[in-house]
PDB file of N, CA and C in Angstrom:
ATOM      1  N   MET A   1       0.845  -1.175   0.000  1.00  0.00           N
ATOM      2  CA  MET A   1       0.000   0.000   0.000  1.00  0.00           C
ATOM      3  C   MET A   1       0.888   1.235   0.000  1.00  0.00           C
ATOM      4  N   LYS A   2       0.570   2.142  -0.879  1.00  0.00           N
ATOM      5  CA  LYS A   2       1.362   3.346  -1.049  1.00  0.00           C
ATOM      6  C   LYS A   2       0.443   4.558  -0.978  1.00  0.00           C
ATOM      7  N   ARG A   3       0.921   5.618  -0.355  1.00  0.00           N
ATOM      8  CA  ARG A   3       0.097   6.826  -0.226  1.00  0.00           C
ATOM      9  C   ARG A   3       0.658   7.946  -1.087  1.00  0.00           C
ATOM     10  N   SER A   4      -0.249   8.762  -1.567  1.00  0.00           N
ATOM     11  CA  SER A   4       0.131   9.942  -2.320  1.00  0.00           C
ATOM     12  C   SER A   4       0.324  11.104  -1.338  1.00  0.00           C
ATOM     13  N   TYR A   5       1.319  11.934  -1.600  1.00  0.00           N
ATOM     14  CA  TYR A   5       1.561  13.072  -0.714  1.00  0.00           C
ATOM     15  C   TYR A   5       0.411  14.075  -0.758  1.00  0.00           C
ATOM     16  N   VAL A   6      -0.244  14.177  -1.904  1.00  0.00           N
ATOM     17  CA  VAL A   6      -1.364  15.111  -2.025  1.00  0.00           C
ATOM     18  C   VAL A   6      -2.528  14.653  -1.155  1.00  0.00           C
ATOM     19  N   SER A   7      -2.823  13.364  -1.168  1.00  0.00           N
ATOM     20  CA  SER A   7      -3.936  12.874  -0.351  1.00  0.00           C
ATOM     21  C   SER A   7      -3.628  12.999   1.140  1.00  0.00           C
ATOM     22  N   VAL A   8      -2.382  12.796   1.516  1.00  0.00           N
ATOM     23  CA  VAL A   8      -2.009  12.962   2.927  1.00  0.00           C
ATOM     24  C   VAL A   8      -2.141  14.421   3.340  1.00  0.00           C
ATOM     25  N   ALA A   9      -1.720  15.337   2.481  1.00  0.00           N
ATOM     26  CA  ALA A   9      -1.848  16.773   2.780  1.00  0.00           C
ATOM     27  C   ALA A   9      -3.317  17.177   2.876  1.00  0.00           C
ATOM     28  N   LEU A  10      -4.149  16.669   1.976  1.00  0.00           N
ATOM     29  CA  LEU A  10      -5.586  16.965   2.039  1.00  0.00           C
ATOM     30  C   LEU A  10      -6.207  16.402   3.306  1.00  0.00           C
ATOM     31  N   LEU A  11      -5.819  15.191   3.660  1.00  0.00           N
ATOM     32  CA  LEU A  11      -6.356  14.579   4.869  1.00  0.00           C
ATOM     33  C   LEU A  11      -5.946  15.370   6.108  1.00  0.00           C
ATOM     34  N   LEU A  12      -4.708  15.806   6.154  1.00  0.00           N
ATOM     35  CA  LEU A  12      -4.260  16.629   7.281  1.00  0.00           C
ATOM     36  C   LEU A  12      -5.016  17.948   7.349  1.00  0.00           C
ATOM     37  N   ALA A  13      -5.265  18.548   6.201  1.00  0.00           N
ATOM     38  CA  ALA A  13      -6.004  19.816   6.172  1.00  0.00           C
ATOM     39  C   ALA A  13      -7.435  19.632   6.662  1.00  0.00           C
ATOM     40  N   VAL A  14      -8.097  18.575   6.220  1.00  0.00           N
ATOM     41  CA  VAL A  14      -9.478  18.337   6.637  1.00  0.00           C
ATOM     42  C   VAL A  14      -9.539  18.027   8.129  1.00  0.00           C
ATOM     43  N   LEU A  15      -8.629  17.224   8.619  1.00  0.00           N
ATOM     44  CA  LEU A  15      -8.640  16.900  10.041  1.00  0.00           C
ATOM     45  C   LEU A  15      -8.277  18.116  10.899  1.00  0.00           C
ATOM     46  N   PHE A  16      -7.397  18.982  10.397  1.00  0.00           N
ATOM     47  CA  PHE A  16      -7.087  20.216  11.111  1.00  0.00           C
ATOM     48  C   PHE A  16      -8.316  21.126  11.162  1.00  0.00           C
ATOM     49  N   MET A  17      -9.054  21.213  10.048  1.00  0.00           N
ATOM     50  CA  MET A  17     -10.296  22.002  10.045  1.00  0.00           C
ATOM     51  C   MET A  17     -11.311  21.408  11.014  1.00  0.00           C
ATOM     52  N   ASN A  18     -11.334  20.083  11.120  1.00  0.00           N
ATOM     53  CA  ASN A  18     -12.238  19.427  12.052  1.00  0.00           C
ATOM     54  C   ASN A  18     -11.912  19.814  13.491  1.00  0.00           C
ATOM     55  N   ILE A  19     -10.641  19.877  13.837  1.00  0.00           N
ATOM     56  CA  ILE A  19     -10.235  20.292  15.182  1.00  0.00           C
ATOM     57  C   ILE A  19     -10.635  21.735  15.436  1.00  0.00           C
ATOM     58  N   ILE A  20     -10.424  22.608  14.463  1.00  0.00           N
ATOM     59  CA  ILE A  20     -10.771  24.020  14.621  1.00  0.00           C
ATOM     60  C   ILE A  20     -12.272  24.201  14.799  1.00  0.00           C
ATOM     61  N   VAL A  21     -13.055  23.500  13.989  1.00  0.00           N
ATOM     62  CA  VAL A  21     -14.511  23.627  14.073  1.00  0.00           C
ATOM     63  C   VAL A  21     -15.021  23.061  15.396  1.00  0.00           C
ATOM     64  N   THR A  22     -14.419  21.977  15.871  1.00  0.00           N
ATOM     65  CA  THR A  22     -14.829  21.410  17.162  1.00  0.00           C
ATOM     66  C   THR A  22     -14.527  22.387  18.297  1.00  0.00           C
ATOM     67  N   GLN A  23     -13.377  23.017  18.258  1.00  0.00           N
ATOM     68  CA  GLN A  23     -13.035  23.998  19.284  1.00  0.00           C
ATOM     69  C   GLN A  23     -13.997  25.188  19.227  1.00  0.00           C
ATOM     70  N   PHE A  24     -14.336  25.630  18.018  1.00  0.00           N
ATOM     71  CA  PHE A  24     -15.292  26.727  17.856  1.00  0.00           C
ATOM     72  C   PHE A  24     -16.662  26.325  18.400  1.00  0.00           C
ATOM     73  N   MET A  25     -17.068  25.082  18.148  1.00  0.00           N
ATOM     74  CA  MET A  25     -18.368  24.605  18.601  1.00  0.00           C
ATOM     75  C   MET A  25     -18.438  24.595  20.128  1.00  0.00           C
ATOM     76  N   VAL A  26     -17.402  24.117  20.770  1.00  0.00           N
ATOM     77  CA  VAL A  26     -17.382  24.093  22.235  1.00  0.00           C
ATOM     78  C   VAL A  26     -17.398  25.508  22.796  1.00  0.00           C
ATOM     79  N   HIS A  27     -16.649  26.405  22.160  1.00  0.00           N
ATOM     80  CA  HIS A  27     -16.618  27.800  22.597  1.00  0.00           C
ATOM     81  C   HIS A  27     -18.000  28.440  22.466  1.00  0.00           C
ATOM     82  N   GLN A  28     -18.675  28.212  21.357  1.00  0.00           N
ATOM     83  CA  GLN A  28     -19.994  28.798  21.156  1.00  0.00           C
ATOM     84  C   GLN A  28     -21.023  28.204  22.116  1.00  0.00           C
ATOM     85  N   TYR A  29     -20.899  26.926  22.400  1.00  0.00           N
ATOM     86  CA  TYR A  29     -21.819  26.297  23.348  1.00  0.00           C
ATOM     87  C   TYR A  29     -21.620  26.881  24.748  1.00  0.00           C
ATOM     88  N   PHE A  30     -20.374  27.131  25.120  1.00  0.00           N
ATOM     89  CA  PHE A  30     -20.091  27.709  26.433  1.00  0.00           C
ATOM     90  C   PHE A  30     -20.736  29.082  26.582  1.00  0.00           C
ATOM     91  N   TYR A  31     -20.707  29.870  25.513  1.00  0.00           N
ATOM     92  CA  TYR A  31     -21.302  31.199  25.554  1.00  0.00           C
ATOM     93  C   TYR A  31     -22.755  31.216  25.100  1.00  0.00           C
ATOM     94  N   GLU A  32     -23.368  30.057  25.017  1.00  0.00           N
ATOM     95  CA  GLU A  32     -24.794  29.870  24.747  1.00  0.00           C
ATOM     96  C   GLU A  32     -25.233  30.444  23.408  1.00  0.00           C
ATOM     97  N   ASN A  33     -24.373  30.364  22.416  1.00  0.00           N
ATOM     98  CA  ASN A  33     -24.748  30.711  21.047  1.00  0.00           C
ATOM     99  C   ASN A  33     -25.115  29.411  20.332  1.00  0.00           C
ATOM    100  N   TYR A  34     -26.352  28.973  20.554  1.00  0.00           N
ATOM    101  CA  TYR A  34     -26.740  27.641  20.116  1.00  0.00           C
ATOM    102  C   TYR A  34     -26.883  27.521  18.599  1.00  0.00           C
ATOM    103  N   THR A  35     -27.216  28.590  17.930  1.00  0.00           N
ATOM    104  CA  THR A  35     -27.311  28.537  16.466  1.00  0.00           C
ATOM    105  C   THR A  35     -25.939  28.282  15.861  1.00  0.00           C
ATOM    106  N   ASN A  36     -24.934  28.990  16.334  1.00  0.00           N
ATOM    107  CA  ASN A  36     -23.569  28.763  15.848  1.00  0.00           C
ATOM    108  C   ASN A  36     -23.070  27.365  16.220  1.00  0.00           C
ATOM    109  N   THR A  37     -23.513  26.882  17.382  1.00  0.00           N
ATOM    110  CA  THR A  37     -23.126  25.535  17.806  1.00  0.00           C
ATOM    111  C   THR A  37     -23.665  24.488  16.847  1.00  0.00           C
ATOM    112  N   ILE A  38     -24.912  24.634  16.449  1.00  0.00           N
ATOM    113  CA  ILE A  38     -25.521  23.674  15.524  1.00  0.00           C
ATOM    114  C   ILE A  38     -24.865  23.759  14.150  1.00  0.00           C
ATOM    115  N   VAL A  39     -24.558  24.954  13.691  1.00  0.00           N
ATOM    116  CA  VAL A  39     -23.885  25.112  12.400  1.00  0.00           C
ATOM    117  C   VAL A  39     -22.512  24.438  12.430  1.00  0.00           C
ATOM    118  N   ALA A  40     -21.775  24.625  13.508  1.00  0.00           N
ATOM    119  CA  ALA A  40     -20.462  23.997  13.623  1.00  0.00           C
ATOM    120  C   ALA A  40     -20.587  22.481  13.704  1.00  0.00           C
ATOM    121  N   ALA A  41     -21.617  21.984  14.362  1.00  0.00           N
ATOM    122  CA  ALA A  41     -21.831  20.540  14.439  1.00  0.00           C
ATOM    123  C   ALA A  41     -22.140  19.956  13.058  1.00  0.00           C
ATOM    124  N   VAL A  42     -22.906  20.673  12.272  1.00  0.00           N
ATOM    125  CA  VAL A  42     -23.210  20.216  10.906  1.00  0.00           C
ATOM    126  C   VAL A  42     -21.944  20.207  10.053  1.00  0.00           C
ATOM    127  N   ILE A  43     -21.114  21.214  10.216  1.00  0.00           N
ATOM    128  CA  ILE A  43     -19.844  21.247   9.472  1.00  0.00           C
ATOM    129  C   ILE A  43     -18.966  20.064   9.880  1.00  0.00           C
ATOM    130  N   ASN A  44     -18.945  19.731  11.168  1.00  0.00           N
ATOM    131  CA  ASN A  44     -18.184  18.569  11.631  1.00  0.00           C
ATOM    132  C   ASN A  44     -18.722  17.282  11.020  1.00  0.00           C
ATOM    133  N   VAL A  45     -20.035  17.168  10.936  1.00  0.00           N
ATOM    134  CA  VAL A  45     -20.639  15.970  10.348  1.00  0.00           C
ATOM    135  C   VAL A  45     -20.305  15.866   8.869  1.00  0.00           C
ATOM    136  N   ILE A  46     -20.151  16.984   8.187  1.00  0.00           N
ATOM    137  CA  ILE A  46     -19.784  16.979   6.768  1.00  0.00           C
ATOM    138  C   ILE A  46     -18.291  16.683   6.591  1.00  0.00           C
ATOM    139  N   LEU A  47     -17.463  17.201   7.479  1.00  0.00           N
ATOM    140  CA  LEU A  47     -16.013  17.019   7.343  1.00  0.00           C
ATOM    141  C   LEU A  47     -15.563  15.584   7.591  1.00  0.00           C
ATOM    142  N   PHE A  48     -16.232  14.864   8.481  1.00  0.00           N
ATOM    143  CA  PHE A  48     -15.789  13.510   8.777  1.00  0.00           C
ATOM    144  C   PHE A  48     -15.907  12.580   7.570  1.00  0.00           C
ATOM    145  N   PRO A  49     -17.034  12.537   6.855  1.00  0.00           N
ATOM    146  CA  PRO A  49     -17.073  11.689   5.657  1.00  0.00           C
ATOM    147  C   PRO A  49     -16.112  12.162   4.570  1.00  0.00           C
ATOM    148  N   ALA A  50     -15.873  13.460   4.502  1.00  0.00           N
ATOM    149  CA  ALA A  50     -14.905  13.966   3.520  1.00  0.00           C
ATOM    150  C   ALA A  50     -13.514  13.413   3.827  1.00  0.00           C
ATOM    151  N   ALA A  51     -13.140  13.400   5.093  1.00  0.00           N
ATOM    152  CA  ALA A  51     -11.837  12.839   5.478  1.00  0.00           C
ATOM    153  C   ALA A  51     -11.792  11.346   5.194  1.00  0.00           C
ATOM    154  N   PHE A  52     -12.888  10.657   5.435  1.00  0.00           N
ATOM    155  CA  PHE A  52     -12.939   9.220   5.170  1.00  0.00           C
ATOM    156  C   PHE A  52     -12.796   8.929   3.675  1.00  0.00           C
ATOM    157  N   LEU A  53     -13.444   9.723   2.829  1.00  0.00           N
ATOM    158  CA  LEU A  53     -13.326   9.534   1.378  1.00  0.00           C
ATOM    159  C   LEU A  53     -11.912   9.831   0.893  1.00  0.00           C
ATOM    160  N   ILE A  54     -11.299  10.866   1.432  1.00  0.00           N
ATOM    161  CA  ILE A  54      -9.916  11.175   1.052  1.00  0.00           C
ATOM    162  C   ILE A  54      -8.994  10.039   1.469  1.00  0.00           C
ATOM    163  N   TYR A  55      -9.244   9.463   2.635  1.00  0.00           N
ATOM    164  CA  TYR A  55      -8.424   8.351   3.105  1.00  0.00           C
ATOM    165  C   TYR A  55      -8.579   7.137   2.195  1.00  0.00           C
ATOM    166  N   LYS A  56      -9.816   6.832   1.823  1.00  0.00           N
ATOM    167  CA  LYS A  56     -10.066   5.659   0.984  1.00  0.00           C
ATOM    168  C   LYS A  56      -9.490   5.846  -0.415  1.00  0.00           C
ATOM    169  N   LYS A  57      -9.581   7.035  -0.973  1.00  0.00           N
ATOM    170  CA  LYS A  57      -9.064   7.291  -2.309  1.00  0.00           C
ATOM    171  C   LYS A  57      -7.538   7.416  -2.304  1.00  0.00           C
ATOM    172  N   GLY A  58      -6.953   7.763  -1.179  1.00  0.00           N
ATOM    173  CA  GLY A  58      -5.521   7.968  -1.094  1.00  0.00           C
ATOM    174  C   GLY A  58      -4.713   6.692  -1.011  1.00  0.00           C
ATOM    175  N   VAL A  59      -5.342   5.605  -0.580  1.00  0.00           N
ATOM    176  CA  VAL A  59      -4.636   4.335  -0.447  1.00  0.00           C
ATOM    177  C   VAL A  59      -4.722   3.601  -1.785  1.00  0.00           C
ATOM    178  N   LYS A  60      -3.552   3.284  -2.334  1.00  0.00           N
ATOM    179  CA  LYS A  60      -3.498   2.544  -3.581  1.00  0.00           C
ATOM    180  C   LYS A  60      -3.077   1.125  -3.266  1.00  0.00           C
ATOM    181  N   ILE A  61      -3.913   0.181  -3.620  1.00  0.00           N
ATOM    182  CA  ILE A  61      -3.622  -1.221  -3.344  1.00  0.00           C
ATOM    183  C   ILE A  61      -2.918  -1.819  -4.562  1.00  0.00           C
ATOM    184  N   ASN A  62      -1.734  -2.359  -4.335  1.00  0.00           N
ATOM    185  CA  ASN A  62      -0.983  -2.995  -5.413  1.00  0.00           C
ATOM    186  C   ASN A  62      -1.303  -4.471  -5.466  1.00  0.00           C
ATOM    187  N   ASP A  63      -1.822  -4.934  -6.577  1.00  0.00           N
ATOM    188  CA  ASP A  63      -2.148  -6.363  -6.726  1.00  0.00           C
ATOM    189  C   ASP A  63      -1.007  -7.123  -7.327  1.00  0.00           C
TER     190      ASP A  63
END
């Protein structure tokens, strides 16, 4: 199994955005901005499958 550097960079970027959005969501929840909290939660739900697809497409199986 071999990985492409582009897919690894994309995966790192998506996971870094996931960390940032999660931190923003917790911050907004603490200050009771529930609309922003829900928006950030939806973005997190969208980012996770995107990271999973990048991971699956990035792995090349050699037969």
